Protein backbone atom coordinates (compact mmCIF):
# COMPACT_ATOMS: atom_id res chain seq x y z
CA MET A 1 58.98 -136.57 -40.80
CA LEU A 2 59.48 -137.77 -37.22
CA GLN A 3 62.96 -139.03 -38.05
CA SER A 4 64.00 -135.46 -38.83
CA ASN A 5 62.17 -133.73 -35.96
CA SER A 6 64.03 -134.65 -32.79
CA ALA A 7 62.00 -132.20 -30.67
CA LEU A 8 58.72 -133.87 -31.60
CA LYS A 9 60.11 -137.37 -31.09
CA SER A 10 61.48 -136.32 -27.70
CA LYS A 11 58.09 -135.02 -26.57
CA ILE A 12 56.39 -138.27 -27.60
CA ASP A 13 58.99 -140.21 -25.61
CA GLN A 14 58.28 -137.92 -22.64
CA LEU A 15 54.58 -138.75 -22.91
CA TRP A 16 55.30 -142.48 -22.79
CA ASN A 17 57.62 -142.07 -19.82
CA LYS A 18 55.00 -140.10 -17.88
CA PHE A 19 52.44 -142.86 -18.32
CA TRP A 20 54.99 -145.50 -17.36
CA SER A 21 56.03 -143.67 -14.19
CA GLY A 22 52.36 -142.82 -13.49
CA GLY A 23 51.50 -146.50 -13.13
CA ILE A 24 50.20 -147.34 -16.63
CA SER A 25 52.91 -149.65 -17.96
CA ASN A 26 50.91 -151.83 -20.36
CA PRO A 27 51.57 -150.31 -23.83
CA LEU A 28 48.10 -151.15 -25.14
CA THR A 29 46.40 -149.57 -22.11
CA ALA A 30 48.66 -146.52 -22.38
CA ILE A 31 47.95 -146.02 -26.08
CA GLU A 32 44.19 -146.17 -25.40
CA GLN A 33 44.39 -143.54 -22.67
CA ILE A 34 46.70 -141.29 -24.71
CA THR A 35 44.36 -141.67 -27.68
CA TYR A 36 41.41 -140.51 -25.59
CA LEU A 37 43.33 -137.36 -24.64
CA LEU A 38 44.49 -136.73 -28.22
CA PHE A 39 40.89 -137.21 -29.32
CA MET A 40 39.61 -134.65 -26.78
CA LYS A 41 42.21 -132.12 -27.92
CA ARG A 42 41.70 -132.72 -31.63
CA LEU A 43 37.90 -132.69 -31.33
CA ASP A 44 38.01 -129.23 -29.76
CA ASP A 45 40.51 -127.87 -32.31
CA LEU A 46 38.67 -129.33 -35.30
CA ASP A 47 35.30 -128.06 -34.08
CA LEU A 48 36.62 -124.52 -33.57
CA LYS A 49 38.19 -124.60 -37.04
CA ARG A 50 34.94 -125.73 -38.63
CA ILE A 51 33.04 -122.97 -36.89
CA SER A 52 35.58 -120.48 -38.28
CA ASP A 53 35.42 -122.02 -41.77
CA ALA A 54 31.61 -121.92 -41.76
CA GLU A 55 31.62 -118.24 -40.81
CA PHE A 56 34.04 -117.53 -43.66
CA THR A 57 32.29 -119.59 -46.36
CA GLY A 58 28.69 -119.14 -45.30
CA GLU A 59 28.22 -122.94 -45.01
CA SER A 60 26.07 -124.16 -42.13
CA TYR A 61 27.76 -126.07 -39.33
CA ILE A 62 26.35 -127.21 -36.00
CA SER A 63 29.03 -127.45 -33.34
CA LYS A 64 29.40 -130.72 -31.46
CA PHE A 65 29.55 -128.61 -28.31
CA ASP A 66 26.22 -126.82 -28.79
CA GLY A 67 23.49 -127.48 -26.23
CA GLU A 68 23.54 -129.53 -23.06
CA PHE A 69 24.67 -133.03 -22.12
CA VAL A 70 22.84 -135.23 -19.63
CA ILE A 71 25.35 -137.14 -17.51
CA PRO A 72 24.49 -140.86 -17.77
CA GLY A 73 22.80 -142.32 -14.68
CA THR A 74 21.83 -138.88 -13.38
CA ASP A 75 19.44 -136.03 -14.13
CA GLN A 76 22.34 -133.59 -14.09
CA LYS A 77 22.88 -131.47 -17.21
CA VAL A 78 26.04 -129.65 -18.19
CA LYS A 79 26.69 -127.21 -20.99
CA LYS A 80 28.66 -128.99 -23.71
CA GLN A 81 30.93 -125.94 -24.01
CA THR A 82 32.39 -126.91 -20.60
CA LEU A 83 33.44 -130.25 -22.11
CA ARG A 84 35.93 -128.65 -24.49
CA TRP A 85 39.63 -129.26 -23.92
CA SER A 86 40.21 -125.50 -24.06
CA HIS A 87 37.77 -125.08 -21.17
CA PHE A 88 38.71 -127.83 -18.72
CA LYS A 89 42.49 -127.43 -19.19
CA ARG A 90 42.22 -124.28 -17.04
CA MET A 91 40.81 -126.18 -14.03
CA SER A 92 42.79 -127.26 -10.98
CA ALA A 93 44.29 -130.76 -11.17
CA ASP A 94 41.80 -132.49 -8.82
CA GLU A 95 38.79 -130.72 -10.33
CA MET A 96 39.96 -131.48 -13.88
CA LEU A 97 40.43 -135.23 -13.30
CA LEU A 98 36.92 -135.56 -11.82
CA HIS A 99 35.45 -133.42 -14.65
CA VAL A 100 37.08 -135.54 -17.37
CA GLN A 101 36.17 -138.84 -15.69
CA MET A 102 32.53 -138.01 -14.92
CA LYS A 103 31.53 -135.63 -17.72
CA VAL A 104 33.96 -135.29 -20.65
CA PHE A 105 34.64 -138.99 -21.23
CA PRO A 106 30.96 -140.06 -21.03
CA PHE A 107 30.21 -137.29 -23.56
CA LEU A 108 32.89 -138.59 -25.92
CA LYS A 109 31.51 -142.13 -25.72
CA THR A 110 28.11 -140.99 -27.06
CA LEU A 111 29.49 -138.43 -29.51
CA ASN A 112 27.92 -139.76 -32.72
CA GLY A 113 24.53 -140.71 -31.28
CA ASP A 114 23.23 -143.88 -29.66
CA GLU A 115 23.02 -145.83 -32.93
CA SER A 116 26.50 -145.11 -34.24
CA SER A 117 29.32 -147.64 -34.59
CA PHE A 118 31.53 -145.35 -32.51
CA THR A 119 29.10 -145.26 -29.56
CA ASN A 120 28.57 -149.03 -29.78
CA HIS A 121 32.28 -149.84 -29.58
CA MET A 122 33.04 -147.19 -26.96
CA LYS A 123 30.36 -148.64 -24.66
CA ASN A 124 32.84 -150.61 -22.53
CA ALA A 125 35.72 -148.15 -22.82
CA VAL A 126 37.02 -146.78 -19.51
CA PHE A 127 39.10 -143.74 -18.62
CA ILE A 128 41.63 -145.03 -16.09
CA ILE A 129 44.19 -142.24 -15.65
CA PRO A 130 44.44 -142.56 -11.86
CA LYS A 131 46.25 -139.42 -10.70
CA PRO A 132 45.49 -135.71 -11.20
CA ALA A 133 49.23 -135.02 -11.64
CA LEU A 134 49.51 -137.54 -14.51
CA LEU A 135 46.54 -135.99 -16.31
CA VAL A 136 47.99 -132.48 -15.97
CA GLU A 137 51.44 -133.56 -17.16
CA ALA A 138 50.03 -135.60 -20.06
CA MET A 139 47.82 -132.72 -21.21
CA SER A 140 50.73 -130.32 -21.00
CA THR A 141 52.92 -132.59 -23.14
CA ILE A 142 50.11 -133.06 -25.68
CA GLU A 143 49.76 -129.27 -25.92
CA GLU A 144 53.51 -129.10 -26.66
CA ILE A 145 53.21 -131.87 -29.27
CA PHE A 146 50.40 -130.02 -31.05
CA ALA A 147 52.41 -126.77 -30.97
CA GLU A 148 55.37 -128.60 -32.51
CA ILE A 149 53.08 -130.07 -35.17
CA GLU A 150 51.79 -126.60 -35.99
CA LYS A 151 55.34 -125.27 -36.33
CA ASP A 152 56.31 -128.19 -38.56
CA THR A 153 53.23 -127.59 -40.69
CA GLN A 154 54.27 -124.01 -41.39
CA ASN A 155 57.92 -124.86 -42.03
CA GLY A 156 57.59 -128.18 -43.84
CA GLY A 157 54.61 -127.64 -46.12
CA GLN A 158 52.76 -130.76 -44.95
CA ALA A 159 49.11 -130.63 -43.93
CA PHE A 160 48.55 -130.55 -40.16
CA GLN A 161 46.59 -133.80 -40.26
CA ASP A 162 49.34 -135.61 -42.15
CA ILE A 163 51.92 -134.70 -39.49
CA GLN A 164 49.48 -135.57 -36.71
CA GLY A 165 49.09 -138.91 -38.45
CA ASP A 166 52.86 -139.44 -38.14
CA VAL A 167 52.63 -138.73 -34.41
CA TYR A 168 49.67 -141.06 -33.99
CA GLU A 169 51.37 -143.80 -35.99
CA MET A 170 54.46 -143.53 -33.81
CA LEU A 171 52.31 -143.94 -30.72
CA LEU A 172 50.63 -146.95 -32.28
CA SER A 173 54.01 -148.49 -33.05
CA GLU A 174 54.60 -148.83 -29.31
CA ILE A 175 51.75 -151.32 -28.94
CA ALA A 176 53.95 -154.31 -29.71
CA ALA A 177 56.73 -155.46 -31.97
CA ALA A 178 54.27 -157.83 -33.63
CA GLY A 179 50.64 -158.42 -32.82
CA LYS A 180 48.50 -161.51 -32.52
CA ASN A 181 48.43 -163.88 -35.49
CA GLY A 182 51.09 -161.93 -37.38
CA GLN A 183 49.34 -158.56 -37.32
CA PHE A 184 51.57 -155.51 -37.63
CA ARG A 185 51.26 -151.94 -38.81
CA THR A 186 51.61 -151.09 -42.47
CA PRO A 187 54.11 -148.24 -43.01
CA ARG A 188 52.25 -145.10 -44.13
CA HIS A 189 54.37 -144.66 -47.28
CA ILE A 190 53.48 -148.20 -48.39
CA ILE A 191 49.80 -147.37 -47.81
CA LYS A 192 50.20 -144.24 -49.93
CA LEU A 193 51.85 -146.28 -52.69
CA ILE A 194 49.01 -148.83 -52.82
CA VAL A 195 46.34 -146.11 -52.74
CA GLU A 196 48.12 -144.33 -55.61
CA LEU A 197 48.04 -147.54 -57.66
CA VAL A 198 44.42 -148.44 -56.88
CA GLU A 199 43.12 -144.85 -57.27
CA PRO A 200 39.87 -144.85 -55.22
CA GLN A 201 37.29 -142.36 -56.51
CA LEU A 202 34.60 -140.27 -54.82
CA GLY A 203 31.48 -142.42 -54.52
CA ASN A 204 33.34 -145.75 -54.33
CA ARG A 205 32.58 -148.07 -51.43
CA ILE A 206 36.00 -148.80 -49.97
CA ALA A 207 36.78 -151.54 -47.46
CA ASP A 208 39.55 -153.14 -45.45
CA PRO A 209 38.51 -156.54 -44.02
CA ALA A 210 41.38 -156.53 -41.49
CA CYS A 211 41.68 -152.81 -40.86
CA GLY A 212 43.57 -152.56 -37.56
CA THR A 213 43.81 -148.85 -36.76
CA GLY A 214 42.37 -147.80 -40.14
CA GLY A 215 45.54 -146.84 -42.03
CA PHE A 216 44.29 -147.89 -45.48
CA LEU A 217 40.90 -146.22 -44.98
CA LEU A 218 42.61 -143.01 -43.90
CA GLY A 219 44.95 -143.27 -46.89
CA ALA A 220 41.98 -143.61 -49.26
CA TYR A 221 40.23 -140.65 -47.64
CA GLN A 222 43.28 -138.41 -47.93
CA TYR A 223 43.86 -139.45 -51.54
CA MET A 224 40.26 -138.59 -52.51
CA VAL A 225 40.35 -135.27 -50.68
CA THR A 226 43.55 -134.42 -52.54
CA GLN A 227 41.95 -135.24 -55.90
CA LEU A 228 39.05 -132.92 -55.05
CA ASP A 229 41.35 -130.04 -54.10
CA LYS A 230 41.40 -127.56 -56.98
CA ASN A 231 44.64 -126.08 -55.64
CA LYS A 232 46.51 -129.38 -55.28
CA LYS A 233 49.08 -128.27 -57.86
CA ASN A 234 50.34 -125.80 -55.26
CA LEU A 235 50.92 -128.53 -52.69
CA LYS A 236 54.45 -129.77 -52.06
CA PRO A 237 55.23 -133.51 -52.23
CA ASP A 238 55.90 -135.08 -48.86
CA GLU A 239 59.18 -136.78 -47.99
CA ASP A 240 58.10 -139.91 -49.90
CA GLY A 241 57.18 -137.95 -53.02
CA PHE A 242 53.38 -138.15 -52.60
CA ILE A 243 51.06 -135.15 -52.70
CA ARG A 244 48.37 -135.33 -50.03
CA ASN A 245 45.92 -132.90 -48.48
CA SER A 246 43.44 -133.96 -45.81
CA VAL A 247 41.99 -130.60 -44.75
CA SER A 248 38.28 -131.37 -44.50
CA GLY A 249 37.39 -127.66 -44.38
CA LEU A 250 37.81 -127.66 -48.18
CA LEU A 251 34.83 -129.99 -48.61
CA THR A 252 31.18 -129.13 -49.12
CA GLU A 253 28.61 -130.76 -46.86
CA LYS A 254 27.46 -133.02 -49.72
CA VAL A 255 30.99 -134.23 -50.54
CA SER A 256 31.76 -134.77 -46.84
CA ARG A 257 28.63 -136.90 -46.54
CA ILE A 258 29.63 -139.02 -49.56
CA LEU A 259 33.16 -139.50 -48.18
CA ASN A 260 31.87 -140.40 -44.73
CA ASP A 261 29.68 -143.09 -46.22
CA SER A 262 32.49 -144.54 -48.36
CA LEU A 263 34.83 -146.10 -45.79
CA TYR A 264 34.23 -149.51 -44.18
CA GLY A 265 36.58 -151.46 -41.96
CA TYR A 266 36.43 -154.65 -39.90
CA ASP A 267 38.71 -156.12 -37.26
CA ILE A 268 38.60 -158.96 -34.72
CA ASP A 269 40.20 -156.87 -31.93
CA VAL A 270 37.79 -154.46 -30.25
CA THR A 271 40.67 -152.24 -29.07
CA MET A 272 41.85 -151.87 -32.67
CA VAL A 273 38.28 -151.02 -33.69
CA ARG A 274 38.18 -148.17 -31.13
CA LEU A 275 41.60 -146.89 -32.15
CA GLY A 276 40.63 -147.07 -35.82
CA LEU A 277 37.41 -145.15 -35.25
CA MET A 278 39.21 -142.40 -33.32
CA ASN A 279 42.08 -142.30 -35.83
CA LEU A 280 39.67 -141.55 -38.70
CA MET A 281 37.57 -139.11 -36.66
CA MET A 282 40.68 -137.18 -35.66
CA HIS A 283 41.46 -136.80 -39.35
CA GLY A 284 38.09 -135.34 -40.33
CA VAL A 285 36.00 -138.46 -41.02
CA ASP A 286 32.96 -137.76 -38.83
CA THR A 287 31.16 -141.10 -39.03
CA PRO A 288 33.53 -143.90 -40.03
CA HIS A 289 32.09 -147.38 -40.43
CA ILE A 290 34.49 -149.64 -38.55
CA ASP A 291 33.02 -152.73 -36.92
CA TYR A 292 34.07 -155.63 -34.73
CA LYS A 293 33.78 -158.64 -37.05
CA ASP A 294 35.79 -161.64 -38.17
CA THR A 295 35.43 -161.40 -41.93
CA LEU A 296 36.57 -165.01 -42.43
CA SER A 297 33.96 -166.52 -40.10
CA LYS A 298 30.47 -167.86 -40.75
CA GLY A 299 29.01 -164.80 -39.06
CA PHE A 300 30.18 -162.53 -41.88
CA THR A 301 27.90 -162.78 -44.90
CA GLU A 302 28.80 -159.84 -47.16
CA SER A 303 29.83 -160.34 -50.80
CA ASN A 304 30.02 -158.37 -54.08
CA LYS A 305 29.77 -155.10 -52.16
CA TYR A 306 32.88 -152.94 -52.63
CA GLN A 307 34.51 -151.17 -55.58
CA VAL A 308 37.86 -150.89 -53.79
CA ILE A 309 39.53 -153.07 -51.16
CA MET A 310 42.96 -152.39 -49.70
CA ALA A 311 44.39 -154.57 -46.98
CA ASN A 312 47.40 -155.99 -45.21
CA PRO A 313 45.72 -159.07 -43.72
CA PRO A 314 47.32 -161.12 -40.92
CA PHE A 315 50.11 -163.49 -41.96
CA THR A 316 50.98 -166.85 -40.42
CA GLY A 317 47.66 -167.12 -38.64
CA SER A 318 45.01 -169.81 -38.91
CA ILE A 319 41.31 -170.05 -38.17
CA ASP A 320 39.24 -172.83 -36.63
CA LYS A 321 38.16 -175.03 -39.54
CA GLY A 322 34.61 -175.27 -38.25
CA ASP A 323 34.21 -171.49 -38.20
CA ILE A 324 35.38 -170.74 -41.76
CA ASN A 325 32.80 -168.96 -43.90
CA GLU A 326 31.10 -171.43 -46.22
CA SER A 327 31.73 -169.14 -49.21
CA LEU A 328 35.49 -169.77 -48.86
CA LYS A 329 36.32 -172.87 -50.89
CA LEU A 330 40.12 -173.11 -50.75
CA GLY A 331 40.10 -175.89 -48.17
CA THR A 332 42.73 -174.37 -45.91
CA THR A 333 42.93 -172.70 -42.50
CA LYS A 334 45.78 -170.36 -43.50
CA THR A 335 44.54 -166.79 -43.12
CA GLU A 336 46.83 -165.33 -45.78
CA LEU A 337 45.15 -167.53 -48.41
CA LEU A 338 41.61 -167.21 -47.07
CA PHE A 339 41.87 -163.42 -47.14
CA VAL A 340 42.85 -163.46 -50.83
CA GLU A 341 39.69 -165.44 -51.64
CA ASN A 342 37.59 -163.37 -49.24
CA ILE A 343 38.73 -160.09 -50.80
CA PHE A 344 37.87 -161.45 -54.24
CA ASN A 345 34.39 -162.37 -52.96
CA LEU A 346 33.86 -158.95 -51.35
CA LEU A 347 34.71 -157.04 -54.54
CA LYS A 348 31.99 -156.00 -56.93
CA MET A 349 32.51 -157.11 -60.51
CA GLY A 350 35.10 -154.72 -61.94
CA GLY A 351 36.25 -153.67 -58.46
CA THR A 352 39.97 -153.38 -57.71
CA ALA A 353 42.05 -154.58 -54.77
CA GLY A 354 45.53 -153.75 -53.49
CA VAL A 355 46.66 -156.44 -51.05
CA ILE A 356 49.91 -157.20 -49.23
CA VAL A 357 50.75 -160.90 -49.00
CA PRO A 358 53.77 -162.86 -47.74
CA GLN A 359 56.01 -164.10 -50.56
CA GLY A 360 54.98 -167.69 -49.82
CA VAL A 361 51.56 -166.99 -51.34
CA LEU A 362 53.31 -166.34 -54.67
CA PHE A 363 55.05 -169.70 -55.01
CA GLY A 364 53.67 -172.18 -52.43
CA SER A 365 53.14 -175.57 -54.07
CA GLY A 366 50.28 -176.79 -51.86
CA LYS A 367 46.86 -177.19 -53.47
CA ALA A 368 45.32 -174.22 -51.62
CA PHE A 369 48.22 -171.96 -52.66
CA VAL A 370 47.80 -172.87 -56.32
CA GLU A 371 44.01 -172.47 -56.16
CA ALA A 372 44.39 -169.01 -54.59
CA ARG A 373 46.65 -167.94 -57.45
CA LYS A 374 44.19 -169.42 -59.97
CA ILE A 375 41.55 -167.04 -58.59
CA LEU A 376 43.90 -164.12 -59.32
CA ILE A 377 44.76 -165.32 -62.83
CA GLU A 378 41.60 -167.06 -64.07
CA LYS A 379 38.81 -165.10 -62.36
CA SER A 380 40.48 -161.69 -62.14
CA GLU A 381 42.72 -159.40 -64.08
CA LEU A 382 45.95 -159.60 -62.11
CA LYS A 383 47.53 -156.28 -62.98
CA ALA A 384 50.70 -156.21 -60.90
CA VAL A 385 52.94 -158.15 -58.54
CA ILE A 386 55.34 -155.83 -56.73
CA SER A 387 57.98 -157.62 -54.65
CA MET A 388 59.14 -155.72 -51.56
CA PRO A 389 62.41 -156.16 -49.63
CA SER A 390 62.23 -158.11 -46.38
CA GLY A 391 63.05 -155.08 -44.20
CA VAL A 392 59.88 -153.11 -45.07
CA PHE A 393 58.02 -154.34 -41.96
CA LYS A 394 60.90 -154.06 -39.52
CA PRO A 395 61.08 -153.79 -36.56
CA TYR A 396 57.86 -155.83 -36.41
CA ALA A 397 58.85 -158.64 -38.76
CA GLY A 398 61.48 -159.53 -41.34
CA VAL A 399 59.11 -161.41 -43.63
CA SER A 400 59.42 -160.86 -47.39
CA THR A 401 56.18 -159.54 -48.88
CA ALA A 402 54.59 -158.47 -52.15
CA ILE A 403 51.78 -156.20 -53.28
CA LEU A 404 49.08 -157.67 -55.51
CA ILE A 405 46.90 -155.37 -57.63
CA PHE A 406 43.93 -157.12 -59.25
CA SER A 407 40.42 -156.43 -60.53
CA LYS A 408 37.53 -158.87 -60.20
CA GLY A 409 36.38 -160.20 -63.55
CA GLY A 410 38.08 -159.24 -66.79
CA GLU A 411 40.89 -161.37 -68.11
CA THR A 412 44.54 -161.68 -67.22
CA GLU A 413 46.60 -161.60 -70.41
CA LYS A 414 49.92 -160.66 -68.88
CA VAL A 415 51.15 -159.68 -65.42
CA TRP A 416 53.39 -156.71 -64.67
CA PHE A 417 56.19 -157.46 -62.19
CA TYR A 418 58.33 -154.91 -60.34
CA ASP A 419 61.29 -155.65 -58.07
CA MET A 420 61.26 -152.96 -55.36
CA GLN A 421 64.79 -152.72 -53.99
CA SER A 422 64.33 -149.65 -51.77
CA ASP A 423 61.27 -148.03 -50.20
CA GLY A 424 63.22 -144.90 -49.25
CA TYR A 425 64.11 -146.11 -45.74
CA SER A 426 66.92 -148.19 -44.30
CA LEU A 427 65.98 -151.87 -44.11
CA ASP A 428 67.22 -152.37 -40.54
CA ASP A 429 65.24 -152.07 -37.31
CA LYS A 430 65.77 -148.27 -37.20
CA ARG A 431 64.11 -147.70 -40.62
CA SER A 432 65.88 -144.34 -40.98
CA LYS A 433 64.82 -142.07 -43.84
CA LEU A 434 67.17 -142.17 -46.81
CA GLU A 435 67.59 -139.40 -49.35
CA GLY A 436 64.85 -139.59 -51.98
CA SER A 437 61.87 -141.91 -52.13
CA GLY A 438 63.60 -145.11 -53.22
CA ASP A 439 61.60 -146.93 -55.89
CA LEU A 440 58.18 -145.62 -54.76
CA GLN A 441 57.68 -142.90 -57.35
CA ASP A 442 59.24 -145.00 -60.11
CA ILE A 443 56.73 -147.79 -59.33
CA VAL A 444 53.82 -145.33 -59.66
CA MET A 445 55.16 -143.88 -62.90
CA GLN A 446 56.03 -147.22 -64.53
CA TYR A 447 52.76 -148.86 -63.43
CA LYS A 448 50.63 -146.08 -64.92
CA LYS A 449 52.38 -146.26 -68.28
CA ARG A 450 52.88 -150.04 -68.33
CA ASP A 451 50.43 -150.55 -71.21
CA LYS A 452 52.71 -148.45 -73.42
CA LEU A 453 55.61 -150.81 -72.75
CA LYS A 454 56.33 -152.37 -76.17
CA GLU A 455 59.19 -154.62 -75.14
CA SER A 456 59.72 -156.37 -71.84
CA ASN A 457 63.33 -156.82 -70.77
CA ARG A 458 63.47 -159.35 -67.95
CA LYS A 459 66.87 -158.13 -66.87
CA GLU A 460 65.31 -154.85 -65.68
CA LYS A 461 63.48 -154.00 -62.45
CA PHE A 462 60.09 -154.39 -64.15
CA PHE A 463 58.70 -156.48 -66.97
CA PHE A 464 55.62 -158.36 -68.22
CA VAL A 465 55.05 -162.13 -68.11
CA GLN A 466 52.41 -163.67 -70.36
CA LYS A 467 49.57 -165.66 -68.80
CA ASP A 468 50.39 -168.91 -70.62
CA GLN A 469 53.92 -168.93 -69.18
CA ILE A 470 52.57 -168.35 -65.65
CA ILE A 471 50.14 -171.26 -66.10
CA ALA A 472 52.97 -173.46 -67.37
CA GLU A 473 54.86 -172.71 -64.12
CA ASN A 474 51.92 -173.92 -61.99
CA TYR A 475 50.69 -170.33 -61.57
CA ASP A 476 53.94 -169.33 -59.84
CA LEU A 477 54.00 -165.54 -59.26
CA SER A 478 57.45 -165.16 -57.71
CA MET A 479 59.55 -162.67 -59.62
CA SER A 480 62.69 -164.80 -59.35
CA LYS A 481 60.99 -167.45 -61.49
CA TYR A 482 60.93 -165.12 -64.50
CA LYS A 483 63.68 -162.55 -63.99
CA GLU A 484 66.82 -163.11 -66.03
CA ASP A 485 70.08 -162.74 -64.13
CA VAL A 486 72.56 -160.22 -65.42
CA PHE A 487 76.06 -161.69 -65.69
CA GLU A 488 78.91 -159.26 -66.04
CA GLU A 489 81.71 -160.59 -68.21
CA ILE A 490 85.08 -160.38 -66.48
CA THR A 491 88.25 -160.34 -68.58
CA TYR A 492 91.29 -161.81 -66.85
CA GLU A 493 94.90 -161.03 -67.74
CA LYS A 494 97.03 -163.70 -69.38
CA PRO A 495 99.01 -165.90 -66.95
CA ASP A 496 102.46 -164.70 -68.13
CA ALA A 497 101.41 -161.05 -67.53
CA ILE A 498 100.22 -161.93 -64.01
CA VAL A 499 103.52 -163.76 -63.29
CA ALA A 500 105.54 -160.77 -64.56
CA LYS A 501 103.61 -158.44 -62.20
CA LEU A 502 104.19 -160.77 -59.25
CA MET A 503 107.96 -160.90 -59.99
CA THR A 504 108.11 -157.09 -60.17
CA MET A 505 106.25 -156.84 -56.83
CA GLU A 506 108.63 -159.40 -55.29
CA ALA A 507 111.69 -157.45 -56.50
CA GLU A 508 110.29 -154.25 -54.98
CA ILE A 509 109.66 -156.00 -51.66
CA ASN A 510 113.22 -157.48 -51.61
CA SER A 511 114.71 -154.05 -52.38
CA GLU A 512 112.79 -152.44 -49.49
CA LEU A 513 113.75 -155.26 -47.12
CA LYS A 514 117.45 -154.73 -48.06
CA GLU A 515 117.17 -150.99 -47.27
CA LEU A 516 115.49 -151.79 -43.95
CA LYS A 517 118.29 -154.26 -43.06
CA GLN A 518 120.96 -151.63 -43.79
CA MET A 519 119.13 -149.14 -41.53
CA PHE A 520 119.18 -151.67 -38.66
CA ALA A 521 122.94 -152.26 -39.21
CA VAL A 522 123.70 -148.50 -39.00
CA SER A 523 121.55 -148.24 -35.88
CA ASP A 524 123.48 -151.09 -34.19
CA LYS A 525 126.86 -149.34 -34.86
CA HIS A 526 125.73 -146.16 -33.08
CA ALA A 527 124.25 -148.03 -30.14
């Protein structure tokens, strides 16, 4: 969407430039401060909408801005209504900065109550916009961004929250080209693809053990909301061919409570935890469960807990051998392998995972690599291996990756392979939108009807490989190991026919050269 909306992209660039010129040049610091402002704006808008929805439907709703707020460290009380974006945006610049610093931001930090994960992780957060002018300019640009989103919603048929997600994801993309230990953002259309294949259901406990800013959890939430929408047939597919609706006003209080208690995320970066919490809350998840934990370490003791896990765990990283959780038996410090085992351990029996791994996991010959693949084949039902082109994670990284879909328990009889050649975007650093959705919708369609596939042609994009053949190849899961190359037969002309053509061509060239020589001779006579 952003690729086709130059006005919106321009306004986001303006916002970055204002923070840069205003003295906040560290991208991570800037994204935190911008997120706080987006959160204030979205919180006000969402609360007003829910009040309106409740009046229309007769459902009960208690506004987050009802009552009074006691300013921490003082006995001073303020009406929460004065903490709304729509209220303080009318103040003078100096008054507004002081109001946001001393009242609005402390209110936000305690929004979900003293015991909530959000309050716990916001404890050390600070609002550091230093100048009244920067705050005014930033708020003005954010107002323009939201107005542009609203216009795009009406014209493009996408839900407001989906477009806002695009904006937020673009802001997040500015954090760094690639994060610590190989962390980088998962493109939203790849998240949608994996969610579509895993199909989380209302009531499932869903987790991401390396959640970053919460993209997979948000994807699961939006998928479930869409499935609950009785009018989803009237929704238009987005630019990647997926149908999504994330308007929480459609949900009853009971369903909202179930959804809120379904999503669990963990990350080892406290800044990512804060951004993830706010990302989900801005999209209608009131009480997300995102926590600061290293899920590979001895301090993390959960197992057999989740029906669905979706993740893009860090690649190329390693963990201190002495801190590896004792339940992880692979005997390696490579995080990409440890996460495969950890995700298996975290799944309940019968639970399903959709995981992105680097291609090396599929064919590495080391003992730990083979043992990791044995877990997928011998202790799980490995349903699919979907190879992705190396440009999917550009501009962050050019690594080749694959999606693994597997269920804990059951038995692997055969594995479905798909060779994704296009994800609907250019595979260079620009990642420009191409016409259509590439292979995304074909993957969904072919995966869901794979059991009806009677014959498996290994010259095609997708095919089955039997378990015994995979075992014979040392549990190799690389598609190239099994795909048959297609050779096109080329028929060459007979040598005497080729010679005859060359002689004809030579005669034509000599004739033209003779004409050219005569032209030069005539020209010399007249000179």
